[in-house]
Amino acid sequence: MFAVVVEITLHPGTRADFLSLVQKNAAASMQNEPGCHQFDVAADAARPDEILLYEIYSDADAFDTHLASEHFARFDNAVSEMISRKVIKTYRQVFQ
């Protein structure tokens, strides 16, 4: 398994639009990408401009497929101006 954690800080006032778009992206990933096993979107009400994405893929190639998908390209383009900071961390499964 290949895990992806994305820490996002949004520009103030963009949260509602971002959440609508990321929900569509997550749903499309789960429905259309056999290598995507989990796509969670998390937030804390105390920090409304911070969003955490937690994604599980079969392997790094499946994540590359996600990044190359049409729905991700549309999402990435639509949210690029909403994001002030984004940190992507990847992890490979050590043992089962």
PDB file of N, CA and C in Angstrom:
ATOM      1  N   MET A   1       0.836  -1.186   0.000  1.00  0.00           N
ATOM      2  CA  MET A   1       0.000   0.000   0.000  1.00  0.00           C
ATOM      3  C   MET A   1       0.879   1.246   0.000  1.00  0.00           C
ATOM      4  N   PHE A   2       0.326   2.314  -0.522  1.00  0.00           N
ATOM      5  CA  PHE A   2       1.012   3.593  -0.662  1.00  0.00           C
ATOM      6  C   PHE A   2       0.088   4.668  -0.104  1.00  0.00           C
ATOM      7  N   ALA A   3       0.524   5.358   0.945  1.00  0.00           N
ATOM      8  CA  ALA A   3      -0.298   6.383   1.590  1.00  0.00           C
ATOM      9  C   ALA A   3       0.178   7.768   1.183  1.00  0.00           C
ATOM     10  N   VAL A   4      -0.788   8.652   1.013  1.00  0.00           N
ATOM     11  CA  VAL A   4      -0.509  10.047   0.686  1.00  0.00           C
ATOM     12  C   VAL A   4      -1.247  10.912   1.699  1.00  0.00           C
ATOM     13  N   VAL A   5      -0.507  11.815   2.327  1.00  0.00           N
ATOM     14  CA  VAL A   5      -1.090  12.766   3.266  1.00  0.00           C
ATOM     15  C   VAL A   5      -0.809  14.153   2.713  1.00  0.00           C
ATOM     16  N   VAL A   6      -1.867  14.930   2.540  1.00  0.00           N
ATOM     17  CA  VAL A   6      -1.722  16.280   2.005  1.00  0.00           C
ATOM     18  C   VAL A   6      -2.249  17.262   3.040  1.00  0.00           C
ATOM     19  N   GLU A   7      -1.379  18.150   3.485  1.00  0.00           N
ATOM     20  CA  GLU A   7      -1.751  19.198   4.427  1.00  0.00           C
ATOM     21  C   GLU A   7      -1.949  20.479   3.637  1.00  0.00           C
ATOM     22  N   ILE A   8      -3.154  21.027   3.701  1.00  0.00           N
ATOM     23  CA  ILE A   8      -3.507  22.200   2.898  1.00  0.00           C
ATOM     24  C   ILE A   8      -3.926  23.341   3.805  1.00  0.00           C
ATOM     25  N   THR A   9      -3.413  24.517   3.519  1.00  0.00           N
ATOM     26  CA  THR A   9      -3.882  25.739   4.166  1.00  0.00           C
ATOM     27  C   THR A   9      -4.546  26.577   3.087  1.00  0.00           C
ATOM     28  N   LEU A  10      -5.786  26.936   3.332  1.00  0.00           N
ATOM     29  CA  LEU A  10      -6.572  27.705   2.372  1.00  0.00           C
ATOM     30  C   LEU A  10      -6.491  29.196   2.654  1.00  0.00           C
ATOM     31  N   HIS A  11      -6.699  29.969   1.613  1.00  0.00           N
ATOM     32  CA  HIS A  11      -6.873  31.406   1.798  1.00  0.00           C
ATOM     33  C   HIS A  11      -8.225  31.599   2.488  1.00  0.00           C
ATOM     34  N   PRO A  12      -8.317  32.543   3.413  1.00  0.00           N
ATOM     35  CA  PRO A  12      -9.590  32.787   4.105  1.00  0.00           C
ATOM     36  C   PRO A  12     -10.736  33.013   3.122  1.00  0.00           C
ATOM     37  N   GLY A  13     -11.874  32.436   3.458  1.00  0.00           N
ATOM     38  CA  GLY A  13     -13.071  32.619   2.644  1.00  0.00           C
ATOM     39  C   GLY A  13     -13.247  31.638   1.507  1.00  0.00           C
ATOM     40  N   THR A  14     -12.343  30.685   1.356  1.00  0.00           N
ATOM     41  CA  THR A  14     -12.425  29.741   0.229  1.00  0.00           C
ATOM     42  C   THR A  14     -12.845  28.335   0.650  1.00  0.00           C
ATOM     43  N   ARG A  15     -13.034  28.127   1.952  1.00  0.00           N
ATOM     44  CA  ARG A  15     -13.272  26.775   2.476  1.00  0.00           C
ATOM     45  C   ARG A  15     -14.477  26.082   1.838  1.00  0.00           C
ATOM     46  N   ALA A  16     -15.606  26.746   1.782  1.00  0.00           N
ATOM     47  CA  ALA A  16     -16.824  26.106   1.253  1.00  0.00           C
ATOM     48  C   ALA A  16     -16.636  25.671  -0.194  1.00  0.00           C
ATOM     49  N   ASP A  17     -16.074  26.538  -1.017  1.00  0.00           N
ATOM     50  CA  ASP A  17     -15.842  26.186  -2.424  1.00  0.00           C
ATOM     51  C   ASP A  17     -14.835  25.045  -2.538  1.00  0.00           C
ATOM     52  N   PHE A  18     -13.769  25.108  -1.748  1.00  0.00           N
ATOM     53  CA  PHE A  18     -12.759  24.050  -1.786  1.00  0.00           C
ATOM     54  C   PHE A  18     -13.366  22.708  -1.399  1.00  0.00           C
ATOM     55  N   LEU A  19     -14.121  22.683  -0.302  1.00  0.00           N
ATOM     56  CA  LEU A  19     -14.704  21.416   0.160  1.00  0.00           C
ATOM     57  C   LEU A  19     -15.649  20.819  -0.874  1.00  0.00           C
ATOM     58  N   SER A  20     -16.407  21.645  -1.557  1.00  0.00           N
ATOM     59  CA  SER A  20     -17.299  21.146  -2.609  1.00  0.00           C
ATOM     60  C   SER A  20     -16.488  20.481  -3.722  1.00  0.00           C
ATOM     61  N   LEU A  21     -15.411  21.126  -4.123  1.00  0.00           N
ATOM     62  CA  LEU A  21     -14.588  20.598  -5.213  1.00  0.00           C
ATOM     63  C   LEU A  21     -13.797  19.359  -4.793  1.00  0.00           C
ATOM     64  N   VAL A  22     -13.262  19.352  -3.578  1.00  0.00           N
ATOM     65  CA  VAL A  22     -12.479  18.190  -3.151  1.00  0.00           C
ATOM     66  C   VAL A  22     -13.390  16.985  -2.927  1.00  0.00           C
ATOM     67  N   GLN A  23     -14.632  17.215  -2.522  1.00  0.00           N
ATOM     68  CA  GLN A  23     -15.569  16.105  -2.370  1.00  0.00           C
ATOM     69  C   GLN A  23     -15.807  15.430  -3.723  1.00  0.00           C
ATOM     70  N   LYS A  24     -15.959  16.210  -4.768  1.00  0.00           N
ATOM     71  CA  LYS A  24     -16.156  15.650  -6.112  1.00  0.00           C
ATOM     72  C   LYS A  24     -14.910  14.900  -6.575  1.00  0.00           C
ATOM     73  N   ASN A  25     -13.735  15.462  -6.290  1.00  0.00           N
ATOM     74  CA  ASN A  25     -12.486  14.814  -6.673  1.00  0.00           C
ATOM     75  C   ASN A  25     -12.313  13.482  -5.936  1.00  0.00           C
ATOM     76  N   ALA A  26     -12.589  13.479  -4.643  1.00  0.00           N
ATOM     77  CA  ALA A  26     -12.466  12.248  -3.856  1.00  0.00           C
ATOM     78  C   ALA A  26     -13.429  11.180  -4.367  1.00  0.00           C
ATOM     79  N   ALA A  27     -14.657  11.572  -4.641  1.00  0.00           N
ATOM     80  CA  ALA A  27     -15.657  10.616  -5.135  1.00  0.00           C
ATOM     81  C   ALA A  27     -15.237  10.047  -6.486  1.00  0.00           C
ATOM     82  N   ALA A  28     -14.752  10.898  -7.373  1.00  0.00           N
ATOM     83  CA  ALA A  28     -14.306  10.432  -8.695  1.00  0.00           C
ATOM     84  C   ALA A  28     -13.115   9.492  -8.555  1.00  0.00           C
ATOM     85  N   SER A  29     -12.223   9.792  -7.635  1.00  0.00           N
ATOM     86  CA  SER A  29     -11.060   8.921  -7.415  1.00  0.00           C
ATOM     87  C   SER A  29     -11.500   7.540  -6.956  1.00  0.00           C
ATOM     88  N   MET A  30     -12.404   7.499  -5.995  1.00  0.00           N
ATOM     89  CA  MET A  30     -12.880   6.219  -5.470  1.00  0.00           C
ATOM     90  C   MET A  30     -13.678   5.437  -6.509  1.00  0.00           C
ATOM     91  N   GLN A  31     -14.439   6.118  -7.338  1.00  0.00           N
ATOM     92  CA  GLN A  31     -15.293   5.453  -8.322  1.00  0.00           C
ATOM     93  C   GLN A  31     -14.543   5.008  -9.569  1.00  0.00           C
ATOM     94  N   ASN A  32     -13.549   5.797  -9.982  1.00  0.00           N
ATOM     95  CA  ASN A  32     -12.933   5.579 -11.294  1.00  0.00           C
ATOM     96  C   ASN A  32     -11.511   5.052 -11.271  1.00  0.00           C
ATOM     97  N   GLU A  33     -10.917   4.968 -10.095  1.00  0.00           N
ATOM     98  CA  GLU A  33      -9.524   4.535 -10.007  1.00  0.00           C
ATOM     99  C   GLU A  33      -9.450   3.251  -9.161  1.00  0.00           C
ATOM    100  N   PRO A  34      -9.308   2.110  -9.799  1.00  0.00           N
ATOM    101  CA  PRO A  34      -9.244   0.850  -9.047  1.00  0.00           C
ATOM    102  C   PRO A  34      -8.111   0.816  -8.017  1.00  0.00           C
ATOM    103  N   GLY A  35      -7.049   1.577  -8.234  1.00  0.00           N
ATOM    104  CA  GLY A  35      -5.918   1.599  -7.318  1.00  0.00           C
ATOM    105  C   GLY A  35      -6.086   2.535  -6.141  1.00  0.00           C
ATOM    106  N   CYS A  36      -7.191   3.277  -6.104  1.00  0.00           N
ATOM    107  CA  CYS A  36      -7.471   4.185  -4.984  1.00  0.00           C
ATOM    108  C   CYS A  36      -8.416   3.473  -4.021  1.00  0.00           C
ATOM    109  N   HIS A  37      -7.926   3.190  -2.825  1.00  0.00           N
ATOM    110  CA  HIS A  37      -8.695   2.428  -1.848  1.00  0.00           C
ATOM    111  C   HIS A  37      -9.354   3.285  -0.778  1.00  0.00           C
ATOM    112  N   GLN A  38      -8.832   4.472  -0.573  1.00  0.00           N
ATOM    113  CA  GLN A  38      -9.384   5.355   0.464  1.00  0.00           C
ATOM    114  C   GLN A  38      -9.023   6.788   0.109  1.00  0.00           C
ATOM    115  N   PHE A  39      -9.968   7.692   0.346  1.00  0.00           N
ATOM    116  CA  PHE A  39      -9.721   9.118   0.093  1.00  0.00           C
ATOM    117  C   PHE A  39     -10.545   9.889   1.112  1.00  0.00           C
ATOM    118  N   ASP A  40      -9.903  10.250   2.212  1.00  0.00           N
ATOM    119  CA  ASP A  40     -10.579  10.959   3.292  1.00  0.00           C
ATOM    120  C   ASP A  40     -10.204  12.432   3.275  1.00  0.00           C
ATOM    121  N   VAL A  41     -11.180  13.261   3.615  1.00  0.00           N
ATOM    122  CA  VAL A  41     -10.975  14.697   3.757  1.00  0.00           C
ATOM    123  C   VAL A  41     -11.328  15.029   5.206  1.00  0.00           C
ATOM    124  N   ALA A  42     -10.386  15.636   5.925  1.00  0.00           N
ATOM    125  CA  ALA A  42     -10.598  15.932   7.344  1.00  0.00           C
ATOM    126  C   ALA A  42     -10.285  17.395   7.636  1.00  0.00           C
ATOM    127  N   ALA A  43     -10.960  17.922   8.661  1.00  0.00           N
ATOM    128  CA  ALA A  43     -10.733  19.301   9.094  1.00  0.00           C
ATOM    129  C   ALA A  43     -11.082  19.411  10.569  1.00  0.00           C
ATOM    130  N   ASP A  44     -10.616  20.469  11.185  1.00  0.00           N
ATOM    131  CA  ASP A  44     -10.912  20.765  12.582  1.00  0.00           C
ATOM    132  C   ASP A  44     -11.577  22.140  12.613  1.00  0.00           C
ATOM    133  N   ALA A  45     -12.740  22.245  13.238  1.00  0.00           N
ATOM    134  CA  ALA A  45     -13.486  23.505  13.279  1.00  0.00           C
ATOM    135  C   ALA A  45     -12.668  24.634  13.907  1.00  0.00           C
ATOM    136  N   ALA A  46     -11.717  24.294  14.773  1.00  0.00           N
ATOM    137  CA  ALA A  46     -10.884  25.318  15.412  1.00  0.00           C
ATOM    138  C   ALA A  46      -9.873  25.930  14.435  1.00  0.00           C
ATOM    139  N   ARG A  47      -9.618  25.230  13.322  1.00  0.00           N
ATOM    140  CA  ARG A  47      -8.687  25.715  12.297  1.00  0.00           C
ATOM    141  C   ARG A  47      -9.366  25.564  10.933  1.00  0.00           C
ATOM    142  N   PRO A  48     -10.341  26.420  10.636  1.00  0.00           N
ATOM    143  CA  PRO A  48     -11.182  26.216   9.446  1.00  0.00           C
ATOM    144  C   PRO A  48     -10.454  26.312   8.108  1.00  0.00           C
ATOM    145  N   ASP A  49      -9.301  26.929   8.088  1.00  0.00           N
ATOM    146  CA  ASP A  49      -8.582  27.068   6.819  1.00  0.00           C
ATOM    147  C   ASP A  49      -7.559  25.962   6.594  1.00  0.00           C
ATOM    148  N   GLU A  50      -7.545  24.959   7.480  1.00  0.00           N
ATOM    149  CA  GLU A  50      -6.641  23.814   7.318  1.00  0.00           C
ATOM    150  C   GLU A  50      -7.453  22.571   6.953  1.00  0.00           C
ATOM    151  N   ILE A  51      -6.998  21.895   5.917  1.00  0.00           N
ATOM    152  CA  ILE A  51      -7.652  20.674   5.434  1.00  0.00           C
ATOM    153  C   ILE A  51      -6.587  19.594   5.330  1.00  0.00           C
ATOM    154  N   LEU A  52      -6.955  18.379   5.705  1.00  0.00           N
ATOM    155  CA  LEU A  52      -6.052  17.241   5.596  1.00  0.00           C
ATOM    156  C   LEU A  52      -6.675  16.209   4.664  1.00  0.00           C
ATOM    157  N   LEU A  53      -5.915  15.782   3.672  1.00  0.00           N
ATOM    158  CA  LEU A  53      -6.338  14.702   2.788  1.00  0.00           C
ATOM    159  C   LEU A  53      -5.521  13.469   3.149  1.00  0.00           C
ATOM    160  N   TYR A  54      -6.192  12.321   3.270  1.00  0.00           N
ATOM    161  CA  TYR A  54      -5.533  11.058   3.582  1.00  0.00           C
ATOM    162  C   TYR A  54      -5.992  10.066   2.521  1.00  0.00           C
ATOM    163  N   GLU A  55      -5.041   9.617   1.709  1.00  0.00           N
ATOM    164  CA  GLU A  55      -5.370   8.770   0.566  1.00  0.00           C
ATOM    165  C   GLU A  55      -4.540   7.486   0.612  1.00  0.00           C
ATOM    166  N   ILE A  56      -5.168   6.371   0.262  1.00  0.00           N
ATOM    167  CA  ILE A  56      -4.467   5.090   0.199  1.00  0.00           C
ATOM    168  C   ILE A  56      -4.596   4.537  -1.228  1.00  0.00           C
ATOM    169  N   TYR A  57      -3.461   4.188  -1.787  1.00  0.00           N
ATOM    170  CA  TYR A  57      -3.395   3.624  -3.136  1.00  0.00           C
ATOM    171  C   TYR A  57      -2.712   2.262  -3.080  1.00  0.00           C
ATOM    172  N   SER A  58      -2.923   1.467  -4.101  1.00  0.00           N
ATOM    173  CA  SER A  58      -2.285   0.153  -4.170  1.00  0.00           C
ATOM    174  C   SER A  58      -0.768   0.280  -4.154  1.00  0.00           C
ATOM    175  N   ASP A  59      -0.262   1.279  -4.896  1.00  0.00           N
ATOM    176  CA  ASP A  59       1.174   1.499  -5.002  1.00  0.00           C
ATOM    177  C   ASP A  59       1.411   2.887  -5.590  1.00  0.00           C
ATOM    178  N   ALA A  60       2.674   3.246  -5.744  1.00  0.00           N
ATOM    179  CA  ALA A  60       3.016   4.571  -6.264  1.00  0.00           C
ATOM    180  C   ALA A  60       2.486   4.767  -7.683  1.00  0.00           C
ATOM    181  N   ASP A  61       2.462   3.705  -8.484  1.00  0.00           N
ATOM    182  CA  ASP A  61       1.931   3.814  -9.846  1.00  0.00           C
ATOM    183  C   ASP A  61       0.454   4.200  -9.831  1.00  0.00           C
ATOM    184  N   ALA A  62      -0.300   3.672  -8.886  1.00  0.00           N
ATOM    185  CA  ALA A  62      -1.722   4.017  -8.784  1.00  0.00           C
ATOM    186  C   ALA A  62      -1.885   5.491  -8.418  1.00  0.00           C
ATOM    187  N   PHE A  63      -0.997   6.009  -7.576  1.00  0.00           N
ATOM    188  CA  PHE A  63      -1.038   7.436  -7.254  1.00  0.00           C
ATOM    189  C   PHE A  63      -0.681   8.260  -8.482  1.00  0.00           C
ATOM    190  N   ASP A  64       0.302   7.818  -9.258  1.00  0.00           N
ATOM    191  CA  ASP A  64       0.644   8.515 -10.505  1.00  0.00           C
ATOM    192  C   ASP A  64      -0.534   8.528 -11.460  1.00  0.00           C
ATOM    193  N   THR A  65      -1.282   7.430 -11.508  1.00  0.00           N
ATOM    194  CA  THR A  65      -2.492   7.378 -12.341  1.00  0.00           C
ATOM    195  C   THR A  65      -3.495   8.418 -11.872  1.00  0.00           C
ATOM    196  N   HIS A  66      -3.641   8.548 -10.565  1.00  0.00           N
ATOM    197  CA  HIS A  66      -4.528   9.571 -10.008  1.00  0.00           C
ATOM    198  C   HIS A  66      -4.096  10.966 -10.457  1.00  0.00           C
ATOM    199  N   LEU A  67      -2.802  11.253 -10.330  1.00  0.00           N
ATOM    200  CA  LEU A  67      -2.299  12.578 -10.703  1.00  0.00           C
ATOM    201  C   LEU A  67      -2.480  12.875 -12.189  1.00  0.00           C
ATOM    202  N   ALA A  68      -2.510  11.833 -13.010  1.00  0.00           N
ATOM    203  CA  ALA A  68      -2.665  12.002 -14.457  1.00  0.00           C
ATOM    204  C   ALA A  68      -4.122  12.009 -14.904  1.00  0.00           C
ATOM    205  N   SER A  69      -5.055  11.787 -13.976  1.00  0.00           N
ATOM    206  CA  SER A  69      -6.469  11.695 -14.353  1.00  0.00           C
ATOM    207  C   SER A  69      -7.048  13.050 -14.720  1.00  0.00           C
ATOM    208  N   GLU A  70      -8.050  13.012 -15.570  1.00  0.00           N
ATOM    209  CA  GLU A  70      -8.722  14.241 -16.012  1.00  0.00           C
ATOM    210  C   GLU A  70      -9.429  14.929 -14.840  1.00  0.00           C
ATOM    211  N   HIS A  71     -10.073  14.141 -13.982  1.00  0.00           N
ATOM    212  CA  HIS A  71     -10.793  14.758 -12.872  1.00  0.00           C
ATOM    213  C   HIS A  71      -9.839  15.439 -11.897  1.00  0.00           C
ATOM    214  N   PHE A  72      -8.634  14.869 -11.687  1.00  0.00           N
ATOM    215  CA  PHE A  72      -7.666  15.535 -10.817  1.00  0.00           C
ATOM    216  C   PHE A  72      -7.164  16.825 -11.463  1.00  0.00           C
ATOM    217  N   ALA A  73      -6.903  16.808 -12.751  1.00  0.00           N
ATOM    218  CA  ALA A  73      -6.430  18.016 -13.436  1.00  0.00           C
ATOM    219  C   ALA A  73      -7.452  19.150 -13.309  1.00  0.00           C
ATOM    220  N   ARG A  74      -8.734  18.816 -13.477  1.00  0.00           N
ATOM    221  CA  ARG A  74      -9.792  19.839 -13.323  1.00  0.00           C
ATOM    222  C   ARG A  74      -9.810  20.370 -11.892  1.00  0.00           C
ATOM    223  N   PHE A  75      -9.748  19.460 -10.921  1.00  0.00           N
ATOM    224  CA  PHE A  75      -9.753  19.856  -9.514  1.00  0.00           C
ATOM    225  C   PHE A  75      -8.543  20.734  -9.194  1.00  0.00           C
ATOM    226  N   ASP A  76      -7.362  20.282  -9.571  1.00  0.00           N
ATOM    227  CA  ASP A  76      -6.135  21.003  -9.265  1.00  0.00           C
ATOM    228  C   ASP A  76      -6.157  22.407  -9.848  1.00  0.00           C
ATOM    229  N   ASN A  77      -6.640  22.531 -11.048  1.00  0.00           N
ATOM    230  CA  ASN A  77      -6.746  23.842 -11.697  1.00  0.00           C
ATOM    231  C   ASN A  77      -7.759  24.738 -10.969  1.00  0.00           C
ATOM    232  N   ALA A  78      -8.880  24.152 -10.579  1.00  0.00           N
ATOM    233  CA  ALA A  78      -9.954  24.929  -9.941  1.00  0.00           C
ATOM    234  C   ALA A  78      -9.570  25.428  -8.552  1.00  0.00           C
ATOM    235  N   VAL A  79      -8.739  24.679  -7.827  1.00  0.00           N
ATOM    236  CA  VAL A  79      -8.417  25.061  -6.439  1.00  0.00           C
ATOM    237  C   VAL A  79      -7.069  25.745  -6.283  1.00  0.00           C
ATOM    238  N   SER A  80      -6.297  25.837  -7.321  1.00  0.00           N
ATOM    239  CA  SER A  80      -4.920  26.337  -7.190  1.00  0.00           C
ATOM    240  C   SER A  80      -4.846  27.721  -6.542  1.00  0.00           C
ATOM    241  N   GLU A  81      -5.769  28.600  -6.853  1.00  0.00           N
ATOM    242  CA  GLU A  81      -5.754  29.953  -6.284  1.00  0.00           C
ATOM    243  C   GLU A  81      -6.328  29.997  -4.866  1.00  0.00           C
ATOM    244  N   MET A  82      -6.965  28.929  -4.423  1.00  0.00           N
ATOM    245  CA  MET A  82      -7.545  28.876  -3.080  1.00  0.00           C
ATOM    246  C   MET A  82      -6.515  28.476  -2.024  1.00  0.00           C
ATOM    247  N   ILE A  83      -5.418  27.885  -2.460  1.00  0.00           N
ATOM    248  CA  ILE A  83      -4.449  27.283  -1.553  1.00  0.00           C
ATOM    249  C   ILE A  83      -3.271  28.217  -1.316  1.00  0.00           C
ATOM    250  N   SER A  84      -2.992  28.476  -0.035  1.00  0.00           N
ATOM    251  CA  SER A  84      -1.821  29.294   0.287  1.00  0.00           C
ATOM    252  C   SER A  84      -0.606  28.426   0.624  1.00  0.00           C
ATOM    253  N   ARG A  85      -0.850  27.186   1.040  1.00  0.00           N
ATOM    254  CA  ARG A  85       0.249  26.275   1.396  1.00  0.00           C
ATOM    255  C   ARG A  85      -0.219  24.838   1.200  1.00  0.00           C
ATOM    256  N   LYS A  86       0.662  24.016   0.632  1.00  0.00           N
ATOM    257  CA  LYS A  86       0.331  22.598   0.457  1.00  0.00           C
ATOM    258  C   LYS A  86       1.592  21.775   0.674  1.00  0.00           C
ATOM    259  N   VAL A  87       1.492  20.788   1.565  1.00  0.00           N
ATOM    260  CA  VAL A  87       2.592  19.875   1.843  1.00  0.00           C
ATOM    261  C   VAL A  87       2.101  18.469   1.545  1.00  0.00           C
ATOM    262  N   ILE A  88       2.807  17.777   0.671  1.00  0.00           N
ATOM    263  CA  ILE A  88       2.454  16.404   0.300  1.00  0.00           C
ATOM    264  C   ILE A  88       3.497  15.467   0.883  1.00  0.00           C
ATOM    265  N   LYS A  89       3.023  14.482   1.633  1.00  0.00           N
ATOM    266  CA  LYS A  89       3.906  13.473   2.220  1.00  0.00           C
ATOM    267  C   LYS A  89       3.432  12.100   1.747  1.00  0.00           C
ATOM    268  N   THR A  90       4.373  11.255   1.374  1.00  0.00           N
ATOM    269  CA  THR A  90       4.016   9.909   0.935  1.00  0.00           C
ATOM    270  C   THR A  90       4.707   8.887   1.826  1.00  0.00           C
ATOM    271  N   TYR A  91       4.045   7.748   1.953  1.00  0.00           N
ATOM    272  CA  TYR A  91       4.534   6.678   2.823  1.00  0.00           C
ATOM    273  C   TYR A  91       4.288   5.336   2.139  1.00  0.00           C
ATOM    274  N   ARG A  92       5.274   4.478   2.228  1.00  0.00           N
ATOM    275  CA  ARG A  92       5.126   3.110   1.715  1.00  0.00           C
ATOM    276  C   ARG A  92       4.922   2.170   2.904  1.00  0.00           C
ATOM    277  N   GLN A  93       4.075   1.199   2.712  1.00  0.00           N
ATOM    278  CA  GLN A  93       3.799   0.235   3.780  1.00  0.00           C
ATOM    279  C   GLN A  93       5.075  -0.524   4.126  1.00  0.00           C
ATOM    280  N   VAL A  94       5.382  -0.604   5.399  1.00  0.00           N
ATOM    281  CA  VAL A  94       6.596  -1.255   5.866  1.00  0.00           C
ATOM    282  C   VAL A  94       6.372  -2.749   6.065  1.00  0.00           C
ATOM    283  N   PHE A  95       5.244  -3.109   6.667  1.00  0.00           N
ATOM    284  CA  PHE A  95       4.910  -4.508   6.852  1.00  0.00           C
ATOM    285  C   PHE A  95       3.389  -4.620   6.959  1.00  0.00           C
ATOM    286  N   GLN A  96       2.893  -5.852   6.791  1.00  0.00           N
ATOM    287  CA  GLN A  96       1.456  -6.106   6.814  1.00  0.00           C
ATOM    288  C   GLN A  96       1.068  -6.796   8.079  1.00  0.00           C
TER     289      GLN A  96
END
